Structures are given as C-alpha cells and as structure tokens.
Amino acid sequence: MSHFQKNNASDHLQREEFLTRPLVLATWKQRLGTFAVDVTFLVVSFVLTVAVFLWNYPEVRENIDQEDSIGLVVTGLFYGLIYWILMEMGTGRTLGKFLFHTKVINKTGGKASSGQIIARSFFRFIPVDPLWYLGQDAPIGLHDRFSGTIVVRIID
C-alpha cells in the first residue's frame, strides 16, 4: 500500500468519525419559520435604525421626499444581504436558523464556502425563488441549488 493510499484510508476514517449522524434536510416548517424570523428581524431592526437616524438628524428628516423611499428600499435590501452574508459566513446560521435548529452547509456536509454563501445570499433576491418551493419534493430553494448548499436540521 502506498503512502498516498494510507493517508486516504486514515482521512476516510476521520470523515466517518466526524459524520456520526446522517444529514437531515430542514423541514418546510423550519424553512418557513427561519425566513419569517429573519425577515421580521430585518424589517424591525432596519426601521428602528432609520428612525434613530432621522431622530438624530432633523435636517435630513425635513428634506425627505417620495424619491427617497426608493433609496430606502435599496438600502434595506442591501442591509438584508449583509445580514445573511455575515451571519451565514460566520456560523452557517442566522437568528431564524438558531431558533429553528437549522444550519446551511455545502452538499457534502462541510462548511459552506464564502463564495457559496455570497452566491446564496444574492440568489435569494430572484423574484421566483419563493415560488420554487411549490411542488418540490424537498424544501430546497433556487438559492440553494445555484450555490451548491443545503439547509439541514441540527439534531441534538
């Protein structure tokens, strides 16, 4: 047996030991729950941030017009994008995923790469992404399929 084969055999054993539990996809209810928690958190925190900003800068508040609402929407979307990227790159989880005991990983069961998380976050904004779940056997969105990620249950 060559040195390379020995290393592969020991690596295989280490992977076997690491994967002591099977990966179980998050359920529909968990996916919907995490989304609801994350969107609620994002909307409330963004509105509070804007309110505090406008409270502290009355000269800005007095000069707001209807065109500024488009800028607020774009800023809010950017705010959400940053939230998902930072949370999932750091822990594989968002506030909703913590509450519903789920985690985003790559398809092989390892930590999703930074590139996968960034792609996943951008693909969330495809307008048909939420509709993709309809009629699917497993709760895997377009943003998961395009980025090579899955969301699994964390079984204690």
C-alpha atoms as a PDB file:
ATOM      1  CA  MET A   1       0.000   0.000   0.000  1.00  0.00           C
ATOM      2  CA  SER A   2       1.485   3.334  -0.995  1.00  0.00           C
ATOM      3  CA  HIS A   3       1.789   6.302   1.337  1.00  0.00           C
ATOM      4  CA  PHE A   4      -0.999   8.087  -0.585  1.00  0.00           C
ATOM      5  CA  GLN A   5      -3.387   5.186  -0.079  1.00  0.00           C
ATOM      6  CA  LYS A   6      -2.618   5.040   3.639  1.00  0.00           C
ATOM      7  CA  ASN A   7      -3.370   8.746   4.008  1.00  0.00           C
ATOM      8  CA  ASN A   8      -6.631   8.371   2.113  1.00  0.00           C
ATOM      9  CA  ALA A   9      -7.658   5.462   4.332  1.00  0.00           C
ATOM     10  CA  SER A  10      -6.958   7.425   7.515  1.00  0.00           C
ATOM     11  CA  ASP A  11      -8.711  10.507   6.087  1.00  0.00           C
ATOM     12  CA  HIS A  12     -11.713   8.347   5.271  1.00  0.00           C
ATOM     13  CA  LEU A  13     -11.859   7.064   8.843  1.00  0.00           C
ATOM     14  CA  GLN A  14     -11.654  10.592  10.216  1.00  0.00           C
ATOM     15  CA  ARG A  15     -14.531  11.672   7.975  1.00  0.00           C
ATOM     16  CA  GLU A  16     -16.539   8.618   9.076  1.00  0.00           C
ATOM     17  CA  GLU A  17     -15.988   9.538  12.712  1.00  0.00           C
ATOM     18  CA  PHE A  18     -16.962  13.140  12.033  1.00  0.00           C
ATOM     19  CA  LEU A  19     -20.209  12.224  10.291  1.00  0.00           C
ATOM     20  CA  THR A  20     -21.692  10.180  13.120  1.00  0.00           C
ATOM     21  CA  ARG A  21     -25.220  11.356  12.341  1.00  0.00           C
ATOM     22  CA  PRO A  22     -26.939  11.416   8.969  1.00  0.00           C
ATOM     23  CA  LEU A  23     -27.707  14.772   7.405  1.00  0.00           C
ATOM     24  CA  VAL A  24     -31.423  15.538   7.558  1.00  0.00           C
ATOM     25  CA  LEU A  25     -32.833  18.337   5.436  1.00  0.00           C
ATOM     26  CA  ALA A  26     -34.684  21.067   7.266  1.00  0.00           C
ATOM     27  CA  THR A  27     -38.455  20.712   7.006  1.00  0.00           C
ATOM     28  CA  TRP A  28     -40.821  23.045   5.176  1.00  0.00           C
ATOM     29  CA  LYS A  29     -41.968  24.440   8.511  1.00  0.00           C
ATOM     30  CA  GLN A  30     -38.408  25.082   9.652  1.00  0.00           C
ATOM     31  CA  ARG A  31     -37.529  26.828   6.380  1.00  0.00           C
ATOM     32  CA  LEU A  32     -40.659  28.987   6.509  1.00  0.00           C
ATOM     33  CA  GLY A  33     -40.108  29.720  10.208  1.00  0.00           C
ATOM     34  CA  THR A  34     -36.488  30.770   9.741  1.00  0.00           C
ATOM     35  CA  PHE A  35     -37.466  33.012   6.842  1.00  0.00           C
ATOM     36  CA  ALA A  36     -40.275  34.633   8.869  1.00  0.00           C
ATOM     37  CA  VAL A  37     -37.982  35.258  11.863  1.00  0.00           C
ATOM     38  CA  ASP A  38     -35.169  36.648   9.699  1.00  0.00           C
ATOM     39  CA  VAL A  39     -37.427  38.949   7.673  1.00  0.00           C
ATOM     40  CA  THR A  40     -39.192  40.182  10.819  1.00  0.00           C
ATOM     41  CA  PHE A  41     -35.837  40.858  12.482  1.00  0.00           C
ATOM     42  CA  LEU A  42     -34.539  42.645   9.379  1.00  0.00           C
ATOM     43  CA  VAL A  43     -37.622  44.846   8.950  1.00  0.00           C
ATOM     44  CA  VAL A  44     -37.850  45.802  12.633  1.00  0.00           C
ATOM     45  CA  SER A  45     -34.117  46.466  13.020  1.00  0.00           C
ATOM     46  CA  PHE A  46     -33.957  48.441   9.759  1.00  0.00           C
ATOM     47  CA  VAL A  47     -36.992  50.581  10.635  1.00  0.00           C
ATOM     48  CA  LEU A  48     -35.550  51.271  14.093  1.00  0.00           C
ATOM     49  CA  THR A  49     -32.166  52.149  12.592  1.00  0.00           C
ATOM     50  CA  VAL A  50     -33.758  54.587  10.132  1.00  0.00           C
ATOM     51  CA  ALA A  51     -35.967  56.077  12.877  1.00  0.00           C
ATOM     52  CA  VAL A  52     -32.997  56.655  15.182  1.00  0.00           C
ATOM     53  CA  PHE A  53     -31.024  58.180  12.306  1.00  0.00           C
ATOM     54  CA  LEU A  54     -33.870  60.526  11.372  1.00  0.00           C
ATOM     55  CA  TRP A  55     -34.456  61.442  15.021  1.00  0.00           C
ATOM     56  CA  ASN A  56     -30.803  62.455  15.392  1.00  0.00           C
ATOM     57  CA  TYR A  57     -30.637  64.315  12.075  1.00  0.00           C
ATOM     58  CA  PRO A  58     -33.767  66.514  11.827  1.00  0.00           C
ATOM     59  CA  GLU A  59     -32.358  68.390   8.820  1.00  0.00           C
ATOM     60  CA  VAL A  60     -32.404  65.116   6.852  1.00  0.00           C
ATOM     61  CA  ARG A  61     -35.899  64.265   8.109  1.00  0.00           C
ATOM     62  CA  GLU A  62     -37.256  67.638   6.951  1.00  0.00           C
ATOM     63  CA  ASN A  63     -35.911  67.204   3.415  1.00  0.00           C
ATOM     64  CA  ILE A  64     -37.178  63.680   2.699  1.00  0.00           C
ATOM     65  CA  ASP A  65     -39.415  63.337  -0.342  1.00  0.00           C
ATOM     66  CA  GLN A  66     -41.048  60.448  -2.181  1.00  0.00           C
ATOM     67  CA  GLU A  67     -37.967  59.744  -4.294  1.00  0.00           C
ATOM     68  CA  ASP A  68     -36.034  58.957  -1.129  1.00  0.00           C
ATOM     69  CA  SER A  69     -38.284  55.964  -0.457  1.00  0.00           C
ATOM     70  CA  ILE A  70     -36.660  54.122  -3.383  1.00  0.00           C
ATOM     71  CA  GLY A  71     -33.280  54.713  -1.797  1.00  0.00           C
ATOM     72  CA  LEU A  72     -34.609  53.349   1.500  1.00  0.00           C
ATOM     73  CA  VAL A  73     -35.845  50.176  -0.206  1.00  0.00           C
ATOM     74  CA  VAL A  74     -32.492  49.635  -1.927  1.00  0.00           C
ATOM     75  CA  THR A  75     -30.681  50.309   1.360  1.00  0.00           C
ATOM     76  CA  GLY A  76     -32.997  47.852   3.140  1.00  0.00           C
ATOM     77  CA  LEU A  77     -32.244  45.134   0.574  1.00  0.00           C
ATOM     78  CA  PHE A  78     -28.512  45.778   0.984  1.00  0.00           C
ATOM     79  CA  TYR A  79     -28.984  45.614   4.770  1.00  0.00           C
ATOM     80  CA  GLY A  80     -30.598  42.163   4.398  1.00  0.00           C
ATOM     81  CA  LEU A  81     -27.880  40.977   2.039  1.00  0.00           C
ATOM     82  CA  ILE A  82     -25.157  41.962   4.504  1.00  0.00           C
ATOM     83  CA  TYR A  83     -27.057  40.297   7.385  1.00  0.00           C
ATOM     84  CA  TRP A  84     -27.351  36.954   5.561  1.00  0.00           C
ATOM     85  CA  ILE A  85     -23.763  37.017   4.307  1.00  0.00           C
ATOM     86  CA  LEU A  86     -22.154  37.878   7.640  1.00  0.00           C
ATOM     87  CA  MET A  87     -24.298  35.545   9.732  1.00  0.00           C
ATOM     88  CA  GLU A  88     -24.018  32.541   7.439  1.00  0.00           C
ATOM     89  CA  MET A  89     -20.319  33.030   6.684  1.00  0.00           C
ATOM     90  CA  GLY A  90     -19.553  33.191  10.378  1.00  0.00           C
ATOM     91  CA  THR A  91     -21.748  30.454  11.794  1.00  0.00           C
ATOM     92  CA  GLY A  92     -23.766  28.918   8.968  1.00  0.00           C
ATOM     93  CA  ARG A  93     -26.796  30.221  10.824  1.00  0.00           C
ATOM     94  CA  THR A  94     -28.993  33.289  11.094  1.00  0.00           C
ATOM     95  CA  LEU A  95     -31.205  34.279  14.005  1.00  0.00           C
ATOM     96  CA  GLY A  96     -34.032  32.243  12.473  1.00  0.00           C
ATOM     97  CA  LYS A  97     -31.768  29.241  11.956  1.00  0.00           C
ATOM     98  CA  PHE A  98     -30.679  29.396  15.605  1.00  0.00           C
ATOM     99  CA  LEU A  99     -34.299  29.437  16.766  1.00  0.00           C
ATOM    100  CA  PHE A 100     -35.352  26.607  14.435  1.00  0.00           C
ATOM    101  CA  HIS A 101     -32.193  24.494  14.916  1.00  0.00           C
ATOM    102  CA  THR A 102     -31.009  24.530  11.311  1.00  0.00           C
ATOM    103  CA  LYS A 103     -27.761  25.313   9.546  1.00  0.00           C
ATOM    104  CA  VAL A 104     -26.597  25.943   5.982  1.00  0.00           C
ATOM    105  CA  ILE A 105     -23.826  23.640   4.743  1.00  0.00           C
ATOM    106  CA  ASN A 106     -22.407  22.553   1.408  1.00  0.00           C
ATOM    107  CA  LYS A 107     -23.806  19.487  -0.352  1.00  0.00           C
ATOM    108  CA  THR A 108     -21.074  17.217   1.011  1.00  0.00           C
ATOM    109  CA  GLY A 109     -21.831  18.088   4.628  1.00  0.00           C
ATOM    110  CA  GLY A 110     -18.991  20.544   5.201  1.00  0.00           C
ATOM    111  CA  LYS A 111     -18.963  24.242   5.944  1.00  0.00           C
ATOM    112  CA  ALA A 112     -20.246  26.280   3.023  1.00  0.00           C
ATOM    113  CA  SER A 113     -17.514  28.400   1.431  1.00  0.00           C
ATOM    114  CA  SER A 114     -17.593  32.186   1.454  1.00  0.00           C
ATOM    115  CA  GLY A 115     -18.324  32.140  -2.284  1.00  0.00           C
ATOM    116  CA  GLN A 116     -21.256  29.785  -1.769  1.00  0.00           C
ATOM    117  CA  ILE A 117     -22.706  31.985   0.986  1.00  0.00           C
ATOM    118  CA  ILE A 118     -22.332  35.155  -1.096  1.00  0.00           C
ATOM    119  CA  ALA A 119     -23.941  33.471  -4.124  1.00  0.00           C
ATOM    120  CA  ARG A 120     -26.716  32.035  -1.942  1.00  0.00           C
ATOM    121  CA  SER A 121     -27.451  35.460  -0.491  1.00  0.00           C
ATOM    122  CA  PHE A 122     -27.651  37.160  -3.895  1.00  0.00           C
ATOM    123  CA  PHE A 123     -29.802  34.380  -5.380  1.00  0.00           C
ATOM    124  CA  ARG A 124     -32.349  34.917  -2.585  1.00  0.00           C
ATOM    125  CA  PHE A 125     -33.415  38.067  -4.418  1.00  0.00           C
ATOM    126  CA  ILE A 126     -34.539  36.192  -7.555  1.00  0.00           C
ATOM    127  CA  PRO A 127     -38.262  37.015  -7.622  1.00  0.00           C
ATOM    128  CA  VAL A 128     -39.317  33.419  -8.340  1.00  0.00           C
ATOM    129  CA  ASP A 129     -37.165  31.886  -5.578  1.00  0.00           C
ATOM    130  CA  PRO A 130     -40.027  31.624  -3.052  1.00  0.00           C
ATOM    131  CA  LEU A 131     -42.277  30.087  -5.724  1.00  0.00           C
ATOM    132  CA  TRP A 132     -39.655  27.435  -6.491  1.00  0.00           C
ATOM    133  CA  TYR A 133     -40.591  25.574  -3.306  1.00  0.00           C
ATOM    134  CA  LEU A 134     -44.089  24.879  -4.609  1.00  0.00           C
ATOM    135  CA  GLY A 135     -44.376  21.358  -5.928  1.00  0.00           C
ATOM    136  CA  GLN A 136     -40.866  20.358  -4.892  1.00  0.00           C
ATOM    137  CA  ASP A 137     -40.281  17.109  -3.012  1.00  0.00           C
ATOM    138  CA  ALA A 138     -37.645  18.637  -0.738  1.00  0.00           C
ATOM    139  CA  PRO A 139     -37.519  22.185   0.631  1.00  0.00           C
ATOM    140  CA  ILE A 140     -34.520  23.299  -1.434  1.00  0.00           C
ATOM    141  CA  GLY A 141     -34.785  26.766  -2.954  1.00  0.00           C
ATOM    142  CA  LEU A 142     -33.193  28.095  -6.113  1.00  0.00           C
ATOM    143  CA  HIS A 143     -30.698  29.979  -3.962  1.00  0.00           C
ATOM    144  CA  ASP A 144     -29.609  26.604  -2.510  1.00  0.00           C
ATOM    145  CA  ARG A 145     -29.472  24.835  -5.869  1.00  0.00           C
ATOM    146  CA  PHE A 146     -27.485  27.598  -7.594  1.00  0.00           C
ATOM    147  CA  SER A 147     -24.994  27.935  -4.729  1.00  0.00           C
ATOM    148  CA  GLY A 148     -24.494  24.216  -4.000  1.00  0.00           C
ATOM    149  CA  THR A 149     -25.797  24.465  -0.442  1.00  0.00           C
ATOM    150  CA  ILE A 150     -28.446  22.770   1.654  1.00  0.00           C
ATOM    151  CA  VAL A 151     -30.119  23.605   4.953  1.00  0.00           C
ATOM    152  CA  VAL A 152     -30.089  20.783   7.474  1.00  0.00           C
ATOM    153  CA  ARG A 153     -31.604  20.173  10.864  1.00  0.00           C
ATOM    154  CA  ILE A 154     -29.271  20.239  13.819  1.00  0.00           C
ATOM    155  CA  ILE A 155     -30.115  17.133  15.795  1.00  0.00           C
ATOM    156  CA  ASP A 156     -29.022  17.262  19.414  1.00  0.00           C
END
